[in-house]
Amino acid sequence: MRKSSRREIRKNATCVGSGRTVRNKVRVPIALVFLVNVLAACAGTMSGTGDSGEILVFAFSEDTAFRIIRDSMLPVVREGTIVMADSTKKGYTGTVKLGLDSDRITAVMIPAKGRNSAGTVLDGYRFEVIHSGTAAAARIPASRDIIRNIVRNAAMTSEPLTLID
């Protein structure tokens, strides 16, 4: 009688009662974990809006806009993870972690024109928060908190203006 090699034994081993090989039994959970991570990974954008949903513009300097973004991210994102955004828009990027998953949140300022209550057109900035990653449970609440903080902090510095298209 021929002695089976280790490789043949492993290759032909079956799980009791299932008829499937051990190798297939291991592949299924790994494939499911990968599929769940791919499906959970997505991106989105939130804009700074007023109570009625209009996009708000704030008239202040670029330095002030940078400070407001950073100060607005600090309560939500760990300070050590906040860095300058590496996009065409100016702002900061931070990471929110939830278990093994993480989400990258970028708050940016976009030059815009706005009209004040007297009808005067002023140059200023509007804000957006962009998020992407696999931490689905942390993504939306963190992004929402950051954009709310930005709008609140900006409104304490400048009168909110209505965006001119």
Protein backbone atom coordinates (compact mmCIF):
# COMPACT_ATOMS: atom_id res chain seq x y z
CA MET A 1 0.00 0.00 0.00
CA ARG A 2 1.30 3.41 -1.00
CA LYS A 3 1.98 5.94 1.74
CA SER A 4 0.15 9.27 1.11
CA SER A 5 2.13 12.46 1.16
CA ARG A 6 1.19 15.31 3.48
CA ARG A 7 0.14 17.42 0.51
CA GLU A 8 -2.28 14.75 -0.73
CA ILE A 9 -3.78 14.31 2.72
CA ARG A 10 -4.32 18.07 3.10
CA LYS A 11 -5.68 18.33 -0.44
CA ASN A 12 -8.19 15.54 0.05
CA ALA A 13 -9.21 16.21 3.67
CA THR A 14 -12.92 16.74 4.03
CA CYS A 15 -14.99 18.38 6.73
CA VAL A 16 -17.18 15.89 8.54
CA GLY A 17 -20.70 15.91 7.16
CA SER A 18 -20.16 18.56 4.50
CA GLY A 19 -18.30 16.74 1.77
CA ARG A 20 -16.29 19.93 1.09
CA THR A 21 -12.57 20.09 1.44
CA VAL A 22 -10.96 22.00 4.30
CA ARG A 23 -9.42 24.40 1.81
CA ASN A 24 -12.86 25.45 0.49
CA LYS A 25 -14.16 25.79 4.05
CA VAL A 26 -11.44 28.38 4.78
CA ARG A 27 -11.82 30.28 1.50
CA VAL A 28 -15.52 31.06 1.96
CA PRO A 29 -15.15 33.18 5.16
CA ILE A 30 -12.12 35.00 3.74
CA ALA A 31 -14.04 35.81 0.57
CA LEU A 32 -17.03 37.04 2.61
CA VAL A 33 -14.84 39.33 4.75
CA PHE A 34 -13.25 40.77 1.61
CA LEU A 35 -16.65 41.29 -0.05
CA VAL A 36 -18.10 43.05 3.02
CA ASN A 37 -15.10 45.43 3.15
CA VAL A 38 -15.39 46.25 -0.54
CA LEU A 39 -19.12 46.92 -0.27
CA ALA A 40 -18.73 49.00 2.91
CA ALA A 41 -16.01 51.20 1.43
CA CYS A 42 -17.60 54.24 -0.10
CA ALA A 43 -17.27 58.01 -0.24
CA GLY A 44 -19.46 61.06 0.13
CA THR A 45 -19.47 64.85 0.44
CA MET A 46 -21.30 67.25 2.75
CA SER A 47 -21.51 71.02 2.23
CA GLY A 48 -21.88 73.73 4.86
CA THR A 49 -25.54 74.71 4.70
CA GLY A 50 -27.94 76.91 6.58
CA ASP A 51 -31.20 75.89 8.26
CA SER A 52 -33.12 76.05 4.98
CA GLY A 53 -30.51 74.04 3.06
CA GLU A 54 -28.79 76.87 1.19
CA ILE A 55 -24.99 76.67 0.85
CA LEU A 56 -23.35 79.32 3.02
CA VAL A 57 -20.34 81.50 2.22
CA PHE A 58 -18.25 83.26 4.86
CA ALA A 59 -16.18 86.39 4.15
CA PHE A 60 -12.83 86.10 5.90
CA SER A 61 -9.15 85.48 5.12
CA GLU A 62 -7.66 82.18 4.01
CA ASP A 63 -5.73 81.95 7.30
CA THR A 64 -8.97 82.28 9.25
CA ALA A 65 -10.61 79.59 7.10
CA PHE A 66 -7.68 77.21 7.76
CA ARG A 67 -7.92 77.86 11.52
CA ILE A 68 -11.68 77.27 11.52
CA ILE A 69 -11.32 73.96 9.68
CA ARG A 70 -8.59 72.71 12.03
CA ASP A 71 -10.42 73.84 15.18
CA SER A 72 -13.63 72.21 13.91
CA MET A 73 -11.92 68.86 13.25
CA LEU A 74 -10.13 68.60 16.62
CA PRO A 75 -13.15 67.47 18.71
CA VAL A 76 -13.92 64.69 16.19
CA VAL A 77 -10.56 63.53 14.79
CA ARG A 78 -7.44 62.67 16.83
CA GLU A 79 -5.00 65.58 16.63
CA GLY A 80 -2.05 63.44 15.54
CA THR A 81 -3.89 62.31 12.41
CA ILE A 82 -4.75 65.80 11.09
CA VAL A 83 -2.52 66.86 8.18
CA MET A 84 -2.76 69.29 5.27
CA ALA A 85 -5.06 67.95 2.54
CA ASP A 86 -3.27 66.59 -0.50
CA SER A 87 -5.95 67.64 -2.95
CA THR A 88 -6.46 70.54 -5.33
CA LYS A 89 -8.64 72.17 -2.66
CA LYS A 90 -7.13 73.66 0.50
CA GLY A 91 -7.92 72.15 3.88
CA TYR A 92 -7.07 69.37 6.31
CA THR A 93 -7.40 65.59 6.32
CA GLY A 94 -7.82 63.37 9.38
CA THR A 95 -8.47 59.72 10.10
CA VAL A 96 -11.25 58.24 12.22
CA LYS A 97 -10.81 54.60 13.29
CA LEU A 98 -13.41 52.11 14.39
CA GLY A 99 -11.91 48.73 15.22
CA LEU A 100 -9.90 47.56 12.23
CA ASP A 101 -11.69 49.94 9.86
CA SER A 102 -10.76 53.54 9.21
CA ASP A 103 -12.28 56.50 7.45
CA ARG A 104 -10.43 59.41 5.91
CA ILE A 105 -12.20 62.74 6.36
CA THR A 106 -11.09 65.85 4.48
CA ALA A 107 -12.50 69.30 5.24
CA VAL A 108 -11.81 71.86 2.50
CA MET A 109 -12.47 75.51 1.80
CA ILE A 110 -13.57 76.62 -1.65
CA PRO A 111 -13.37 80.26 -2.79
CA ALA A 112 -16.87 81.58 -3.48
CA LYS A 113 -18.90 84.77 -3.77
CA GLY A 114 -21.77 85.45 -1.43
CA ARG A 115 -24.44 88.10 -0.93
CA ASN A 116 -25.00 89.59 2.54
CA SER A 117 -28.33 90.77 3.98
CA ALA A 118 -27.76 94.29 2.54
CA GLY A 119 -27.31 92.84 -0.98
CA THR A 120 -23.55 93.46 -1.19
CA VAL A 121 -21.51 90.79 -2.98
CA LEU A 122 -18.40 89.69 -1.04
CA ASP A 123 -15.58 87.22 -1.66
CA GLY A 124 -15.28 84.43 0.85
CA TYR A 125 -15.19 80.68 1.32
CA ARG A 126 -17.67 77.85 1.42
CA PHE A 127 -16.81 74.54 3.07
CA GLU A 128 -17.14 70.86 2.22
CA VAL A 129 -16.34 67.67 4.10
CA ILE A 130 -15.37 64.68 1.96
CA HIS A 131 -15.15 61.21 3.50
CA SER A 132 -14.07 57.79 2.29
CA GLY A 133 -13.13 54.48 3.86
CA THR A 134 -14.50 51.35 5.46
CA ALA A 135 -15.59 52.64 8.90
CA ALA A 136 -19.26 52.92 7.96
CA ALA A 137 -20.45 53.43 11.54
CA ALA A 138 -18.04 56.34 12.10
CA ARG A 139 -18.15 57.99 8.68
CA ILE A 140 -21.42 59.93 8.56
CA PRO A 141 -21.61 61.06 12.22
CA ALA A 142 -18.01 62.31 12.19
CA SER A 143 -18.44 64.16 8.88
CA ARG A 144 -21.74 65.67 10.03
CA ASP A 145 -20.16 66.83 13.31
CA ILE A 146 -17.22 68.43 11.48
CA ILE A 147 -19.38 70.37 8.99
CA ARG A 148 -21.67 71.54 11.82
CA ASN A 149 -18.63 72.68 13.81
CA ILE A 150 -17.27 74.53 10.77
CA VAL A 151 -20.56 76.37 10.12
CA ARG A 152 -20.96 77.24 13.83
CA ASN A 153 -17.34 78.46 14.20
CA ALA A 154 -17.43 80.39 10.91
CA ALA A 155 -20.73 82.08 11.85
CA MET A 156 -19.10 83.36 15.06
CA THR A 157 -16.40 85.02 12.94
CA SER A 158 -18.38 86.30 9.95
CA GLU A 159 -21.97 86.86 8.87
CA PRO A 160 -23.18 83.90 6.78
CA LEU A 161 -23.65 84.93 3.15
CA THR A 162 -25.90 83.33 0.55
CA LEU A 163 -23.93 81.63 -2.23
CA ILE A 164 -24.10 83.30 -5.64
CA ASP A 165 -24.14 80.69 -8.42
